[in-house]
């Protein structure tokens, strides 16, 4: 299997070749066609499995034609500032041959400057739950969101972001795609999946004896 056979377009293929990507990982092979088809996904995948490209490449591909007057079209939530920065840098690298505007919303940065940049037009927002809530409470609309990604969902819930995620979810359009990635099948994650996912495809790439929470 190759990225080309998965349907990835030339501007993205060129960018990932420069990064040394050759053969898709298991999660990429299974997730990319599903993301392009706009299916909801529940995937068990740990850091290092290539999950950022698994959702990032197909989402960037879907945004290759900007729509005038649209607000934020993709929201990616992650548990920490550090992971958000990593996802942002990866997506910027993938999108270097495209005109997709990507922004990171995390603490430690000036809220007003972030608001100003959002007003200028952004298609993809990568954020920690708390900082995204701050922006929605001060006027950021999520009515144009087409895809909602929860990365490392189990870590977000363990860190106490359950309430924030439950507040963010109703702000999204009724019809949108949700992609949930978690290293474990904990009870908290199962409950969250029932709230946010609609007829999801399941992708299991994690080894049960190391990642599944059986409590």
C-alpha atoms as a PDB file:
ATOM      1  CA  UNK A   1       0.000   0.000   0.000  1.00  0.00           C
ATOM      2  CA  UNK A   2       1.159   3.537  -0.774  1.00  0.00           C
ATOM      3  CA  UNK A   3      -0.103   7.016   0.131  1.00  0.00           C
ATOM      4  CA  UNK A   4      -0.891   7.519  -3.554  1.00  0.00           C
ATOM      5  CA  UNK A   5      -3.123   4.422  -3.606  1.00  0.00           C
ATOM      6  CA  UNK A   6      -4.891   5.740  -0.521  1.00  0.00           C
ATOM      7  CA  UNK A   7      -5.963   8.707  -2.667  1.00  0.00           C
ATOM      8  CA  UNK A   8      -3.685  11.392  -1.245  1.00  0.00           C
ATOM      9  CA  UNK A   9      -3.241  14.315  -3.667  1.00  0.00           C
ATOM     10  CA  UNK A  10       0.070  15.466  -5.184  1.00  0.00           C
ATOM     11  CA  UNK A  11       0.707  18.600  -3.039  1.00  0.00           C
ATOM     12  CA  UNK A  12       0.501  16.439   0.096  1.00  0.00           C
ATOM     13  CA  UNK A  13       2.447  13.541  -1.433  1.00  0.00           C
ATOM     14  CA  UNK A  14       5.288  15.905  -2.286  1.00  0.00           C
ATOM     15  CA  UNK A  15       5.353  17.329   1.261  1.00  0.00           C
ATOM     16  CA  UNK A  16       5.387  13.964   3.020  1.00  0.00           C
ATOM     17  CA  UNK A  17       8.061  12.583   0.677  1.00  0.00           C
ATOM     18  CA  UNK A  18      10.256  15.487   1.797  1.00  0.00           C
ATOM     19  CA  UNK A  19       9.588  14.381   5.393  1.00  0.00           C
ATOM     20  CA  UNK A  20      10.706  10.834   4.556  1.00  0.00           C
ATOM     21  CA  UNK A  21       7.264   9.204   4.654  1.00  0.00           C
ATOM     22  CA  UNK A  22       7.261   6.155   2.389  1.00  0.00           C
ATOM     23  CA  UNK A  23       4.866   3.413   3.468  1.00  0.00           C
ATOM     24  CA  UNK A  24       1.672   4.201   5.443  1.00  0.00           C
ATOM     25  CA  UNK A  25       1.403   2.783   8.961  1.00  0.00           C
ATOM     26  CA  UNK A  26      -1.523   0.550   9.949  1.00  0.00           C
ATOM     27  CA  UNK A  27      -3.578   3.393  11.391  1.00  0.00           C
ATOM     28  CA  UNK A  28      -2.900   5.558   8.316  1.00  0.00           C
ATOM     29  CA  UNK A  29      -3.873   2.774   5.885  1.00  0.00           C
ATOM     30  CA  UNK A  30      -7.145   2.172   7.697  1.00  0.00           C
ATOM     31  CA  UNK A  31      -8.065   5.722   8.715  1.00  0.00           C
ATOM     32  CA  UNK A  32      -7.263   7.813   5.621  1.00  0.00           C
ATOM     33  CA  UNK A  33     -10.006   6.337   3.360  1.00  0.00           C
ATOM     34  CA  UNK A  34     -12.546   6.600   6.194  1.00  0.00           C
ATOM     35  CA  UNK A  35     -11.684  10.239   6.912  1.00  0.00           C
ATOM     36  CA  UNK A  36     -11.950  11.075   3.200  1.00  0.00           C
ATOM     37  CA  UNK A  37     -15.359   9.349   3.192  1.00  0.00           C
ATOM     38  CA  UNK A  38     -16.430  11.533   6.167  1.00  0.00           C
ATOM     39  CA  UNK A  39     -17.060   8.572   8.493  1.00  0.00           C
ATOM     40  CA  UNK A  40     -16.815   8.849  12.270  1.00  0.00           C
ATOM     41  CA  UNK A  41     -13.860   6.911  13.698  1.00  0.00           C
ATOM     42  CA  UNK A  42     -12.979   5.392  17.072  1.00  0.00           C
ATOM     43  CA  UNK A  43      -9.314   4.365  16.942  1.00  0.00           C
ATOM     44  CA  UNK A  44      -6.951   2.957  19.536  1.00  0.00           C
ATOM     45  CA  UNK A  45      -3.564   4.388  18.647  1.00  0.00           C
ATOM     46  CA  UNK A  46      -0.622   5.509  20.716  1.00  0.00           C
ATOM     47  CA  UNK A  47       1.908   8.255  20.088  1.00  0.00           C
ATOM     48  CA  UNK A  48       4.370   7.066  17.470  1.00  0.00           C
ATOM     49  CA  UNK A  49       1.846   5.151  15.351  1.00  0.00           C
ATOM     50  CA  UNK A  50       1.492   7.957  12.819  1.00  0.00           C
ATOM     51  CA  UNK A  51      -1.977   9.032  13.903  1.00  0.00           C
ATOM     52  CA  UNK A  52      -1.414  12.741  13.229  1.00  0.00           C
ATOM     53  CA  UNK A  53      -0.916  11.986   9.537  1.00  0.00           C
ATOM     54  CA  UNK A  54      -3.821   9.494   9.686  1.00  0.00           C
ATOM     55  CA  UNK A  55      -6.264  12.333  10.343  1.00  0.00           C
ATOM     56  CA  UNK A  56      -4.187  15.327   9.230  1.00  0.00           C
ATOM     57  CA  UNK A  57      -3.515  14.349   5.609  1.00  0.00           C
ATOM     58  CA  UNK A  58      -7.120  13.530   4.624  1.00  0.00           C
ATOM     59  CA  UNK A  59      -8.515  16.560   6.479  1.00  0.00           C
ATOM     60  CA  UNK A  60      -6.046  18.879   4.733  1.00  0.00           C
ATOM     61  CA  UNK A  61      -7.016  17.274   1.438  1.00  0.00           C
ATOM     62  CA  UNK A  62     -10.692  18.011   2.072  1.00  0.00           C
ATOM     63  CA  UNK A  63      -9.866  21.665   2.788  1.00  0.00           C
ATOM     64  CA  UNK A  64      -7.781  22.170  -0.365  1.00  0.00           C
ATOM     65  CA  UNK A  65     -10.465  24.434  -1.857  1.00  0.00           C
ATOM     66  CA  UNK A  66     -11.092  27.372   0.521  1.00  0.00           C
ATOM     67  CA  UNK A  67     -14.735  28.433   0.884  1.00  0.00           C
ATOM     68  CA  UNK A  68     -15.287  32.198   1.014  1.00  0.00           C
ATOM     69  CA  UNK A  69     -16.970  33.412   4.186  1.00  0.00           C
ATOM     70  CA  UNK A  70     -16.589  30.155   6.103  1.00  0.00           C
ATOM     71  CA  UNK A  71     -15.337  30.132   9.672  1.00  0.00           C
ATOM     72  CA  UNK A  72     -13.281  27.399  11.350  1.00  0.00           C
ATOM     73  CA  UNK A  73     -13.845  24.110   9.481  1.00  0.00           C
ATOM     74  CA  UNK A  74     -11.750  21.672  11.544  1.00  0.00           C
ATOM     75  CA  UNK A  75     -11.157  21.600  15.319  1.00  0.00           C
ATOM     76  CA  UNK A  76      -8.460  19.328  16.759  1.00  0.00           C
ATOM     77  CA  UNK A  77      -8.419  18.987  20.555  1.00  0.00           C
ATOM     78  CA  UNK A  78      -5.387  17.638  22.387  1.00  0.00           C
ATOM     79  CA  UNK A  79      -4.616  17.309  26.104  1.00  0.00           C
ATOM     80  CA  UNK A  80      -1.480  19.440  26.381  1.00  0.00           C
ATOM     81  CA  UNK A  81       0.191  22.544  25.005  1.00  0.00           C
ATOM     82  CA  UNK A  82       3.180  20.443  23.943  1.00  0.00           C
ATOM     83  CA  UNK A  83       1.115  17.944  21.950  1.00  0.00           C
ATOM     84  CA  UNK A  84      -0.883  20.767  20.349  1.00  0.00           C
ATOM     85  CA  UNK A  85       2.361  22.394  19.190  1.00  0.00           C
ATOM     86  CA  UNK A  86       3.580  19.067  17.802  1.00  0.00           C
ATOM     87  CA  UNK A  87       0.338  18.543  15.833  1.00  0.00           C
ATOM     88  CA  UNK A  88       0.493  22.129  14.551  1.00  0.00           C
ATOM     89  CA  UNK A  89       4.076  21.714  13.343  1.00  0.00           C
ATOM     90  CA  UNK A  90       3.228  18.405  11.645  1.00  0.00           C
ATOM     91  CA  UNK A  91       0.190  19.856   9.852  1.00  0.00           C
ATOM     92  CA  UNK A  92       2.141  22.929   8.757  1.00  0.00           C
ATOM     93  CA  UNK A  93       4.766  20.598   7.265  1.00  0.00           C
ATOM     94  CA  UNK A  94       2.136  18.546   5.415  1.00  0.00           C
ATOM     95  CA  UNK A  95       0.384  21.683   4.125  1.00  0.00           C
ATOM     96  CA  UNK A  96       3.463  23.548   2.883  1.00  0.00           C
ATOM     97  CA  UNK A  97       2.288  23.296  -0.754  1.00  0.00           C
ATOM     98  CA  UNK A  98      -1.299  24.316   0.075  1.00  0.00           C
ATOM     99  CA  UNK A  99      -3.145  27.476   1.076  1.00  0.00           C
ATOM    100  CA  UNK A 100      -4.734  26.159   4.255  1.00  0.00           C
ATOM    101  CA  UNK A 101      -4.619  28.439   7.299  1.00  0.00           C
ATOM    102  CA  UNK A 102      -3.823  26.595  10.520  1.00  0.00           C
ATOM    103  CA  UNK A 103      -3.806  28.082  14.012  1.00  0.00           C
ATOM    104  CA  UNK A 104      -2.906  26.874  17.478  1.00  0.00           C
ATOM    105  CA  UNK A 105      -4.885  27.974  20.555  1.00  0.00           C
ATOM    106  CA  UNK A 106      -3.110  27.170  23.807  1.00  0.00           C
ATOM    107  CA  UNK A 107      -2.439  28.867  27.124  1.00  0.00           C
ATOM    108  CA  UNK A 108       0.657  30.982  27.565  1.00  0.00           C
ATOM    109  CA  UNK A 109      -0.214  33.020  24.471  1.00  0.00           C
ATOM    110  CA  UNK A 110      -2.018  36.381  24.349  1.00  0.00           C
ATOM    111  CA  UNK A 111      -5.789  35.783  24.102  1.00  0.00           C
ATOM    112  CA  UNK A 112      -6.478  39.077  22.282  1.00  0.00           C
ATOM    113  CA  UNK A 113      -3.824  38.398  19.639  1.00  0.00           C
ATOM    114  CA  UNK A 114      -5.339  34.963  19.090  1.00  0.00           C
ATOM    115  CA  UNK A 115      -8.800  36.538  18.693  1.00  0.00           C
ATOM    116  CA  UNK A 116      -7.472  38.952  16.077  1.00  0.00           C
ATOM    117  CA  UNK A 117      -5.876  36.189  14.049  1.00  0.00           C
ATOM    118  CA  UNK A 118      -9.084  34.155  14.187  1.00  0.00           C
ATOM    119  CA  UNK A 119     -10.992  37.140  12.761  1.00  0.00           C
ATOM    120  CA  UNK A 120      -8.615  37.192   9.803  1.00  0.00           C
ATOM    121  CA  UNK A 121      -9.800  33.711   8.836  1.00  0.00           C
ATOM    122  CA  UNK A 122      -8.550  30.275   9.881  1.00  0.00           C
ATOM    123  CA  UNK A 123      -9.623  26.860   8.579  1.00  0.00           C
ATOM    124  CA  UNK A 124      -8.000  24.526  11.125  1.00  0.00           C
ATOM    125  CA  UNK A 125      -7.736  25.175  14.861  1.00  0.00           C
ATOM    126  CA  UNK A 126      -5.609  22.985  17.129  1.00  0.00           C
ATOM    127  CA  UNK A 127      -6.375  23.638  20.790  1.00  0.00           C
ATOM    128  CA  UNK A 128      -6.412  22.450  24.346  1.00  0.00           C
ATOM    129  CA  UNK A 129     -10.014  22.163  25.643  1.00  0.00           C
ATOM    130  CA  UNK A 130      -9.703  24.943  28.225  1.00  0.00           C
ATOM    131  CA  UNK A 131      -8.327  27.518  25.793  1.00  0.00           C
ATOM    132  CA  UNK A 132     -10.917  26.644  23.136  1.00  0.00           C
ATOM    133  CA  UNK A 133     -13.653  27.146  25.757  1.00  0.00           C
ATOM    134  CA  UNK A 134     -12.242  30.594  26.551  1.00  0.00           C
ATOM    135  CA  UNK A 135     -12.540  31.545  22.889  1.00  0.00           C
ATOM    136  CA  UNK A 136     -16.052  30.143  22.414  1.00  0.00           C
ATOM    137  CA  UNK A 137     -17.174  32.003  25.533  1.00  0.00           C
ATOM    138  CA  UNK A 138     -15.849  35.238  24.025  1.00  0.00           C
ATOM    139  CA  UNK A 139     -17.476  34.797  20.630  1.00  0.00           C
ATOM    140  CA  UNK A 140     -15.701  32.136  18.540  1.00  0.00           C
ATOM    141  CA  UNK A 141     -18.318  30.317  16.473  1.00  0.00           C
ATOM    142  CA  UNK A 142     -18.007  26.612  15.676  1.00  0.00           C
ATOM    143  CA  UNK A 143     -21.064  26.572  13.378  1.00  0.00           C
ATOM    144  CA  UNK A 144     -18.994  25.827  10.247  1.00  0.00           C
ATOM    145  CA  UNK A 145     -16.982  22.939  11.719  1.00  0.00           C
ATOM    146  CA  UNK A 146     -16.970  19.920   9.402  1.00  0.00           C
ATOM    147  CA  UNK A 147     -14.606  17.693  11.400  1.00  0.00           C
ATOM    148  CA  UNK A 148     -13.922  17.424  15.135  1.00  0.00           C
ATOM    149  CA  UNK A 149     -10.822  15.491  16.262  1.00  0.00           C
ATOM    150  CA  UNK A 150     -10.210  14.293  19.811  1.00  0.00           C
ATOM    151  CA  UNK A 151      -6.564  13.249  20.027  1.00  0.00           C
ATOM    152  CA  UNK A 152      -5.387  11.248  23.054  1.00  0.00           C
ATOM    153  CA  UNK A 153      -8.935  11.362  24.394  1.00  0.00           C
ATOM    154  CA  UNK A 154      -8.091   9.174  27.389  1.00  0.00           C
ATOM    155  CA  UNK A 155      -5.413  11.640  28.545  1.00  0.00           C
ATOM    156  CA  UNK A 156      -7.817  14.571  28.146  1.00  0.00           C
ATOM    157  CA  UNK A 157     -10.406  12.839  30.330  1.00  0.00           C
ATOM    158  CA  UNK A 158      -7.797  11.819  32.919  1.00  0.00           C
ATOM    159  CA  UNK A 159      -6.670  15.457  33.089  1.00  0.00           C
ATOM    160  CA  UNK A 160     -10.203  16.601  33.928  1.00  0.00           C
ATOM    161  CA  UNK A 161     -11.367  18.004  30.582  1.00  0.00           C
ATOM    162  CA  UNK A 162     -14.634  16.011  30.493  1.00  0.00           C
ATOM    163  CA  UNK A 163     -16.801  19.059  31.302  1.00  0.00           C
ATOM    164  CA  UNK A 164     -15.097  21.228  28.682  1.00  0.00           C
ATOM    165  CA  UNK A 165     -15.557  18.591  25.958  1.00  0.00           C
ATOM    166  CA  UNK A 166     -19.203  18.152  26.937  1.00  0.00           C
ATOM    167  CA  UNK A 167     -19.685  21.931  26.657  1.00  0.00           C
ATOM    168  CA  UNK A 168     -17.887  22.180  23.314  1.00  0.00           C
ATOM    169  CA  UNK A 169     -19.786  19.332  21.638  1.00  0.00           C
ATOM    170  CA  UNK A 170     -23.223  21.074  21.530  1.00  0.00           C
ATOM    171  CA  UNK A 171     -21.600  24.128  19.885  1.00  0.00           C
ATOM    172  CA  UNK A 172     -20.762  22.043  16.796  1.00  0.00           C
ATOM    173  CA  UNK A 173     -23.184  21.620  13.878  1.00  0.00           C
ATOM    174  CA  UNK A 174     -25.488  18.593  14.156  1.00  0.00           C
ATOM    175  CA  UNK A 175     -23.919  17.151  11.021  1.00  0.00           C
ATOM    176  CA  UNK A 176     -20.173  16.898  11.395  1.00  0.00           C
ATOM    177  CA  UNK A 177     -17.522  14.189  11.431  1.00  0.00           C
ATOM    178  CA  UNK A 178     -15.853  13.143  14.696  1.00  0.00           C
ATOM    179  CA  UNK A 179     -12.525  11.314  14.911  1.00  0.00           C
ATOM    180  CA  UNK A 180     -11.631   9.944  18.348  1.00  0.00           C
ATOM    181  CA  UNK A 181      -8.138   8.610  19.032  1.00  0.00           C
ATOM    182  CA  UNK A 182      -7.288   6.999  22.360  1.00  0.00           C
ATOM    183  CA  UNK A 183      -4.535   4.737  23.677  1.00  0.00           C
ATOM    184  CA  UNK A 184      -7.037   2.880  25.874  1.00  0.00           C
ATOM    185  CA  UNK A 185     -10.645   1.652  25.962  1.00  0.00           C
ATOM    186  CA  UNK A 186     -11.299   3.021  29.432  1.00  0.00           C
ATOM    187  CA  UNK A 187     -14.852   3.355  30.737  1.00  0.00           C
ATOM    188  CA  UNK A 188     -14.561   7.167  30.519  1.00  0.00           C
ATOM    189  CA  UNK A 189     -13.566   6.944  26.850  1.00  0.00           C
ATOM    190  CA  UNK A 190     -16.415   4.521  26.090  1.00  0.00           C
ATOM    191  CA  UNK A 191     -18.923   6.939  27.652  1.00  0.00           C
ATOM    192  CA  UNK A 192     -17.493   9.860  25.698  1.00  0.00           C
ATOM    193  CA  UNK A 193     -17.562   7.870  22.443  1.00  0.00           C
ATOM    194  CA  UNK A 194     -21.292   7.243  22.868  1.00  0.00           C
ATOM    195  CA  UNK A 195     -21.847  10.984  23.258  1.00  0.00           C
ATOM    196  CA  UNK A 196     -19.766  12.249  20.332  1.00  0.00           C
ATOM    197  CA  UNK A 197     -19.687   9.451  17.714  1.00  0.00           C
ATOM    198  CA  UNK A 198     -22.332   8.396  15.191  1.00  0.00           C
ATOM    199  CA  UNK A 199     -22.049   4.866  13.755  1.00  0.00           C
ATOM    200  CA  UNK A 200     -18.235   4.945  14.004  1.00  0.00           C
ATOM    201  CA  UNK A 201     -15.775   2.691  12.232  1.00  0.00           C
ATOM    202  CA  UNK A 202     -13.476   1.004  14.762  1.00  0.00           C
ATOM    203  CA  UNK A 203      -9.733   0.872  14.187  1.00  0.00           C
ATOM    204  CA  UNK A 204      -7.655  -1.124  16.641  1.00  0.00           C
ATOM    205  CA  UNK A 205      -3.899  -0.673  16.317  1.00  0.00           C
ATOM    206  CA  UNK A 206      -2.846  -0.876  19.965  1.00  0.00           C
ATOM    207  CA  UNK A 207      -1.745  -4.116  21.625  1.00  0.00           C
ATOM    208  CA  UNK A 208      -4.385  -5.207  24.086  1.00  0.00           C
ATOM    209  CA  UNK A 209      -1.968  -6.311  26.764  1.00  0.00           C
ATOM    210  CA  UNK A 210      -0.321  -2.879  26.886  1.00  0.00           C
ATOM    211  CA  UNK A 211      -3.086  -0.400  26.229  1.00  0.00           C
ATOM    212  CA  UNK A 212      -6.567  -1.627  27.064  1.00  0.00           C
ATOM    213  CA  UNK A 213      -7.935  -0.649  30.447  1.00  0.00           C
ATOM    214  CA  UNK A 214      -9.992  -3.610  31.680  1.00  0.00           C
ATOM    215  CA  UNK A 215     -11.111  -2.037  34.934  1.00  0.00           C
END
